[in-house]
Amino acid sequence: MKIMVVEDDAALREIYSIRIAAEGYEVVSAGDGEEALAMAVREKPNLILSDVMMPKISGFDMLDILRSTPETASIKVIMMTALSADDQRERGERLGADRYLVKSQVGIEDVVNIIHEVLGDGANQDQAANVNPAQ
């Protein structure tokens, strides 16, 4: 599965990319919403993890365009922001974000777990845990 990390902070983008790749995902990244939109059509990621506050095109505008473009409408999107305001969360949900996370409230492991959850691949771990033990 392929995940796109969209974050204008290069250090954060690299940290998230490395950690997500460690989960076995293919990772591509973009530094702003404009670059991400072009890349989404070309790369067809399964999920986009995106910051909201970015230069050129905000995460919200990017999400709006993704959802209204047939080739990218079904890509799962997790929005991350420094803003915890309810109206920001409502805007993200209204535009079709699969999840809306506040950076100060989640660590990188939480983000990784939410990626598994949104993609529905956490079920594989549950099935492995339910294998009949040797008797």
Foldseek 3Di string as FASTA:
>chain_A
DEEEEEAQPVVVSVVLQVVLVVVVHHYDYYNFLVRVLVVCLVVVGQEYEYEQDHPPAGPLRSLLVQCVDVSRNNRAYEYEYCDPDPVVQVSCVVSPHPYYYHVVVDDSVRVSVVVCVSSVVVVVVVVVVVDDDDD
